[in-house]
Amino acid sequence: MPFKFKLRIRGRLISGFLAVCAIIALSVGYTVFAVGGISTTVDRMVNLRTPVALASTELVGNLYSTLATLRGYLLTGNPQGKLDRAAMWKEMDATIAGLDEKAVHFTNPENSRKWAEAKSLLAEFRAAQDKAEAVAFTSEAYPATKLLVTEAGPRAETIFFEITRIINEEEGLDATAERKRLLKAMADTRGNFAAATAQLRMYLLSGEKNDKEKFFKPWELFEKGLYCCECEEGPTHAVAAARFREDYEGAGRICPPLREDVRAPGVRRLECSRAYSCNGGGAARCENSRPA
């Protein structure tokens, strides 16, 4: 005979009451658990994520501000720009310190890694700005101009001086047709060299491609005149030509290099007879040389 469990009215009421209490207890427990999770999330939003987002925005703004103040200083030279940039970096240091405190509580390791990378990049960026500010308005800020002044300038003076010595020597010689042509060639050489150096300085000032292109023509004519002058005889010619040849070769590191046919082993001269119509005894040694 099957077992039958019967409750009286009292038992049924007690069972129902216990069931209701259990349901209420479970509901309250789940609510407390859910509220606790929400509270944690809200606390993280209020005390961590929002402050980090605001600090990051402030950091980016100050970063652009340091760049703007540095540009202003480089353009105007106003010392106030240096002070403004230093003040911006002071604010950024405080912001970075605050972010360091917040970074300890980051729950995502990827965010901690990204912040560490950002800090290293900020340090590099600050060092680059400091270097730019330090070299501003000094010769280090214009390396091409510094190279021209320290290396090309003295060599150019020597070349001018030695060409002038050759021209002065020609003044005491007989005024033959050949010597007149040679004197003109040397004068043109000096003039073309002056034009080339002036155009080079203009290019360094303007940076225009057109000024750079204008440099090559007088420089090429100077090269031709240089080799033509080296062909002539005379003690002053030999010494002067050797000296400005040495300076010219050194200037090749700054100005356009010699053409390959000039620099090739065994080739010593260009054909200057085509450049300045040199003829006679000097022209015999001015013809194209053949490789040895």
Protein backbone atom coordinates (compact mmCIF):
# COMPACT_ATOMS: atom_id res chain seq x y z
CA MET A 1 0.00 0.00 0.00
CA PRO A 2 1.55 3.28 -1.08
CA PHE A 3 2.73 5.71 1.57
CA LYS A 4 0.61 8.79 1.85
CA PHE A 5 1.88 11.87 3.61
CA LYS A 6 -0.85 14.12 4.84
CA LEU A 7 -0.40 17.49 6.53
CA ARG A 8 -2.88 19.17 8.59
CA ILE A 9 -3.74 22.81 8.16
CA ARG A 10 -1.14 23.81 10.71
CA GLY A 11 1.62 21.91 8.97
CA ARG A 12 0.70 23.30 5.62
CA LEU A 13 0.82 26.86 6.95
CA ILE A 14 4.19 26.30 8.54
CA SER A 15 5.59 24.74 5.34
CA GLY A 16 4.31 27.59 3.22
CA PHE A 17 5.74 30.14 5.62
CA LEU A 18 9.14 28.43 5.58
CA ALA A 19 9.11 28.31 1.77
CA VAL A 20 8.31 32.01 1.60
CA CYS A 21 11.08 32.78 4.08
CA ALA A 22 13.56 30.72 2.05
CA ILE A 23 12.61 32.55 -1.14
CA ILE A 24 12.93 35.91 0.59
CA ALA A 25 16.31 34.94 2.03
CA LEU A 26 17.59 33.84 -1.36
CA SER A 27 16.30 37.03 -2.95
CA VAL A 28 17.90 39.20 -0.30
CA GLY A 29 21.19 37.32 -0.59
CA TYR A 30 21.27 37.66 -4.34
CA THR A 31 20.35 41.36 -4.09
CA VAL A 32 23.12 41.98 -1.60
CA PHE A 33 25.57 40.16 -3.85
CA ALA A 34 24.43 42.08 -6.94
CA VAL A 35 24.49 45.40 -5.14
CA GLY A 36 27.97 44.63 -3.89
CA GLY A 37 29.14 43.99 -7.47
CA ILE A 38 27.48 47.19 -8.66
CA SER A 39 29.06 49.09 -5.78
CA THR A 40 32.48 47.77 -6.74
CA THR A 41 31.92 48.77 -10.35
CA VAL A 42 30.67 52.22 -9.38
CA ASP A 43 33.58 52.68 -7.01
CA ARG A 44 35.99 51.67 -9.78
CA MET A 45 34.31 54.06 -12.22
CA VAL A 46 34.28 56.97 -9.79
CA ASN A 47 37.64 56.52 -8.11
CA LEU A 48 39.72 54.92 -10.86
CA ARG A 49 38.53 54.97 -14.44
CA THR A 50 37.04 58.47 -14.55
CA PRO A 51 40.04 60.12 -12.84
CA VAL A 52 42.41 58.19 -15.13
CA ALA A 53 40.44 59.29 -18.21
CA LEU A 54 40.45 62.92 -17.07
CA ALA A 55 44.15 62.81 -16.19
CA SER A 56 44.97 61.23 -19.56
CA THR A 57 43.07 63.97 -21.36
CA GLU A 58 44.87 66.61 -19.32
CA LEU A 59 48.20 64.91 -20.02
CA VAL A 60 47.60 64.94 -23.77
CA GLY A 61 46.57 68.59 -23.68
CA ASN A 62 49.65 69.60 -21.71
CA LEU A 63 51.81 67.56 -24.07
CA TYR A 64 50.57 69.55 -27.04
CA SER A 65 51.02 72.72 -25.02
CA THR A 66 54.71 71.96 -24.41
CA LEU A 67 55.15 71.38 -28.13
CA ALA A 68 53.39 74.65 -28.98
CA THR A 69 55.44 76.68 -26.50
CA LEU A 70 58.66 75.12 -27.80
CA ARG A 71 57.74 75.99 -31.37
CA GLY A 72 56.93 79.52 -30.28
CA TYR A 73 60.32 79.85 -28.62
CA LEU A 74 62.13 78.47 -31.67
CA LEU A 75 60.29 80.92 -33.93
CA THR A 76 60.52 84.06 -31.82
CA GLY A 77 63.37 83.48 -29.39
CA ASN A 78 61.23 84.92 -26.58
CA PRO A 79 62.59 83.57 -23.24
CA GLN A 80 59.04 83.46 -21.93
CA GLY A 81 58.49 80.42 -24.15
CA LYS A 82 61.10 78.48 -22.16
CA LEU A 83 59.40 79.42 -18.89
CA ASP A 84 55.97 78.42 -20.21
CA ARG A 85 57.27 75.05 -21.36
CA ALA A 86 58.91 74.41 -17.99
CA ALA A 87 55.62 75.25 -16.24
CA MET A 88 53.75 72.85 -18.51
CA TRP A 89 56.16 70.05 -17.75
CA LYS A 90 55.81 70.75 -14.03
CA GLU A 91 52.07 70.24 -14.34
CA MET A 92 52.67 67.09 -16.36
CA ASP A 93 54.96 65.72 -13.68
CA ALA A 94 52.17 66.10 -11.12
CA THR A 95 49.71 64.43 -13.52
CA ILE A 96 52.11 61.56 -14.15
CA ALA A 97 52.60 61.05 -10.40
CA GLY A 98 48.82 60.86 -9.95
CA LEU A 99 48.51 58.34 -12.76
CA ASP A 100 51.25 56.25 -11.17
CA GLU A 101 49.16 56.02 -8.01
CA LYS A 102 46.10 54.99 -10.00
CA ALA A 103 48.05 52.50 -12.12
CA VAL A 104 48.64 50.34 -9.04
CA HIS A 105 44.90 49.54 -8.99
CA PHE A 106 44.57 48.69 -12.67
CA THR A 107 42.74 45.37 -13.05
CA ASN A 108 43.90 44.78 -16.62
CA PRO A 109 47.65 43.99 -16.95
CA GLU A 110 47.57 45.29 -20.52
CA ASN A 111 46.70 48.77 -19.25
CA SER A 112 49.64 48.67 -16.84
CA ARG A 113 51.97 47.69 -19.69
CA LYS A 114 50.67 50.48 -21.94
CA TRP A 115 51.14 53.05 -19.19
CA ALA A 116 54.74 51.91 -18.63
CA GLU A 117 55.42 52.31 -22.37
CA ALA A 118 53.76 55.73 -22.39
CA LYS A 119 55.96 56.89 -19.50
CA SER A 120 59.14 55.85 -21.33
CA LEU A 121 57.97 57.64 -24.48
CA LEU A 122 57.21 60.77 -22.47
CA ALA A 123 60.74 60.71 -21.05
CA GLU A 124 62.21 60.41 -24.55
CA PHE A 125 59.95 63.20 -25.81
CA ARG A 126 61.01 65.49 -22.97
CA ALA A 127 64.69 64.77 -23.64
CA ALA A 128 64.19 65.60 -27.32
CA GLN A 129 62.50 68.89 -26.44
CA ASP A 130 65.28 69.78 -24.01
CA LYS A 131 67.87 69.08 -26.70
CA ALA A 132 66.02 71.21 -29.26
CA GLU A 133 65.77 74.07 -26.77
CA ALA A 134 69.44 73.78 -25.85
CA VAL A 135 70.73 73.99 -29.43
CA ALA A 136 68.27 76.70 -30.50
CA PHE A 137 69.94 79.80 -31.94
CA THR A 138 73.36 78.15 -31.89
CA SER A 139 75.49 76.78 -34.70
CA GLU A 140 74.43 73.26 -33.73
CA ALA A 141 70.91 74.08 -34.91
CA TYR A 142 72.17 74.62 -38.45
CA PRO A 143 74.65 71.79 -39.18
CA ALA A 144 74.90 72.60 -42.90
CA THR A 145 75.72 76.23 -42.18
CA LYS A 146 78.20 75.20 -39.51
CA LEU A 147 79.91 72.89 -42.01
CA LEU A 148 80.07 75.68 -44.55
CA VAL A 149 81.55 78.15 -42.09
CA THR A 150 84.04 75.86 -40.36
CA GLU A 151 85.23 73.72 -43.27
CA ALA A 152 84.16 75.12 -46.63
CA GLY A 153 84.78 78.77 -45.71
CA PRO A 154 88.52 78.50 -44.96
CA ARG A 155 89.05 76.34 -48.05
CA ALA A 156 87.19 78.87 -50.20
CA GLU A 157 89.44 81.66 -48.90
CA THR A 158 92.53 79.64 -49.81
CA ILE A 159 91.21 78.94 -53.30
CA PHE A 160 90.46 82.64 -53.86
CA PHE A 161 93.91 83.59 -52.60
CA GLU A 162 95.77 81.09 -54.77
CA ILE A 163 93.84 81.95 -57.93
CA THR A 164 94.59 85.60 -57.25
CA ARG A 165 98.29 84.75 -56.93
CA ILE A 166 98.22 83.15 -60.37
CA ILE A 167 96.46 86.17 -61.83
CA ASN A 168 99.04 88.48 -60.22
CA GLU A 169 101.85 86.42 -61.74
CA GLU A 170 100.28 86.79 -65.16
CA GLU A 171 100.41 90.57 -64.75
CA GLY A 172 104.23 90.50 -65.01
CA LEU A 173 104.38 88.30 -68.13
CA ASP A 174 104.28 89.25 -71.77
CA ALA A 175 100.80 90.04 -73.01
CA THR A 176 100.57 87.41 -75.72
CA ALA A 177 97.28 86.14 -77.09
CA GLU A 178 97.74 82.89 -75.18
CA ARG A 179 98.40 84.68 -71.88
CA LYS A 180 95.36 86.90 -72.40
CA ARG A 181 93.19 83.85 -72.90
CA LEU A 182 94.69 82.25 -69.81
CA LEU A 183 94.16 85.41 -67.76
CA LYS A 184 90.52 85.45 -68.83
CA ALA A 185 90.20 81.76 -67.97
CA MET A 186 91.57 82.35 -64.47
CA ALA A 187 89.36 85.38 -63.95
CA ASP A 188 86.34 83.35 -65.07
CA THR A 189 87.40 80.54 -62.73
CA ARG A 190 87.51 82.89 -59.78
CA GLY A 191 84.22 84.50 -60.77
CA ASN A 192 82.47 81.16 -61.20
CA PHE A 193 83.79 79.99 -57.85
CA ALA A 194 82.49 83.16 -56.20
CA ALA A 195 79.10 82.68 -57.87
CA ALA A 196 78.95 79.03 -56.81
CA THR A 197 79.76 79.78 -53.16
CA ALA A 198 77.27 82.66 -53.12
CA GLN A 199 74.56 80.42 -54.56
CA LEU A 200 75.39 77.75 -52.00
CA ARG A 201 74.91 80.27 -49.20
CA MET A 202 71.62 81.36 -50.77
CA TYR A 203 70.42 77.74 -50.83
CA LEU A 204 71.28 77.31 -47.15
CA LEU A 205 69.27 80.43 -46.34
CA SER A 206 66.21 79.68 -48.47
CA GLY A 207 66.18 75.90 -48.82
CA GLU A 208 64.62 76.34 -52.26
CA LYS A 209 65.31 73.64 -54.84
CA ASN A 210 65.71 76.30 -57.52
CA ASP A 211 68.63 77.86 -55.64
CA LYS A 212 70.23 74.44 -55.38
CA GLU A 213 69.96 73.91 -59.14
CA LYS A 214 71.51 77.34 -59.79
CA PHE A 215 74.59 76.25 -57.85
CA PHE A 216 75.67 73.47 -60.21
CA LYS A 217 76.32 75.47 -63.40
CA PRO A 218 78.95 77.90 -61.99
CA TRP A 219 80.49 75.03 -60.03
CA GLU A 220 80.91 72.96 -63.19
CA LEU A 221 82.52 75.91 -64.98
CA PHE A 222 84.82 76.38 -62.01
CA GLU A 223 85.89 72.72 -62.22
CA LYS A 224 86.80 73.14 -65.87
CA GLY A 225 88.71 76.34 -65.17
CA LEU A 226 90.50 74.67 -62.28
CA TYR A 227 91.94 71.93 -64.46
CA CYS A 228 92.84 74.41 -67.18
CA CYS A 229 94.81 76.58 -64.73
CA GLU A 230 96.67 73.52 -63.45
CA CYS A 231 98.07 72.94 -66.95
CA GLU A 232 100.14 76.12 -67.04
CA GLU A 233 103.83 76.29 -66.26
CA GLY A 234 105.54 78.54 -63.75
CA PRO A 235 106.60 78.23 -60.12
CA THR A 236 103.69 80.26 -58.78
CA HIS A 237 101.26 78.33 -60.94
CA ALA A 238 102.53 75.00 -59.64
CA VAL A 239 102.46 75.96 -55.95
CA ALA A 240 99.16 77.84 -56.10
CA ALA A 241 97.44 75.18 -58.19
CA ALA A 242 98.60 72.45 -55.81
CA ARG A 243 97.30 74.36 -52.79
CA PHE A 244 93.86 75.13 -54.10
CA ARG A 245 93.67 71.63 -55.60
CA GLU A 246 94.10 70.29 -52.07
CA ASP A 247 91.41 72.59 -50.74
CA TYR A 248 89.16 71.81 -53.68
CA GLU A 249 89.39 68.08 -53.02
CA GLY A 250 88.53 68.75 -49.38
CA ALA A 251 85.57 70.85 -50.43
CA GLY A 252 84.34 67.87 -52.42
CA ARG A 253 82.99 66.50 -49.14
CA ILE A 254 80.75 69.55 -48.88
CA CYS A 255 80.05 70.58 -52.47
CA PRO A 256 79.02 68.19 -55.26
CA PRO A 257 81.63 65.46 -55.84
CA LEU A 258 83.83 65.39 -58.90
CA ARG A 259 82.45 63.59 -61.91
CA GLU A 260 83.43 59.98 -62.28
CA ASP A 261 85.66 60.65 -65.28
CA VAL A 262 87.69 63.04 -63.14
CA ARG A 263 87.91 60.78 -60.13
CA ALA A 264 88.72 57.59 -62.08
CA PRO A 265 92.19 56.11 -61.37
CA GLY A 266 94.85 57.22 -63.85
CA VAL A 267 92.89 60.19 -65.19
CA ARG A 268 94.57 63.44 -64.15
CA ARG A 269 93.08 66.23 -66.27
CA LEU A 270 89.90 67.40 -67.92
CA GLU A 271 89.95 68.69 -71.43
CA CYS A 272 90.35 72.37 -70.64
CA SER A 273 90.99 73.34 -74.27
CA ARG A 274 87.25 72.93 -74.87
CA ALA A 275 86.38 74.92 -71.78
CA TYR A 276 88.56 77.99 -72.25
CA SER A 277 90.35 77.44 -75.59
CA CYS A 278 93.76 76.97 -73.94
CA ASN A 279 96.36 76.18 -76.58
CA GLY A 280 100.10 76.31 -77.09
CA GLY A 281 102.57 74.63 -74.74
CA GLY A 282 100.12 74.44 -71.86
CA ALA A 283 97.39 72.94 -74.03
CA ALA A 284 99.61 70.02 -74.95
CA ARG A 285 99.40 68.91 -71.30
CA CYS A 286 95.74 69.87 -71.00
CA GLU A 287 94.35 67.18 -73.28
CA ASN A 288 92.39 64.28 -71.98
CA SER A 289 94.64 61.87 -70.21
CA ARG A 290 94.29 58.18 -70.74
CA PRO A 291 94.29 55.65 -67.92
CA ALA A 292 97.82 54.59 -67.08
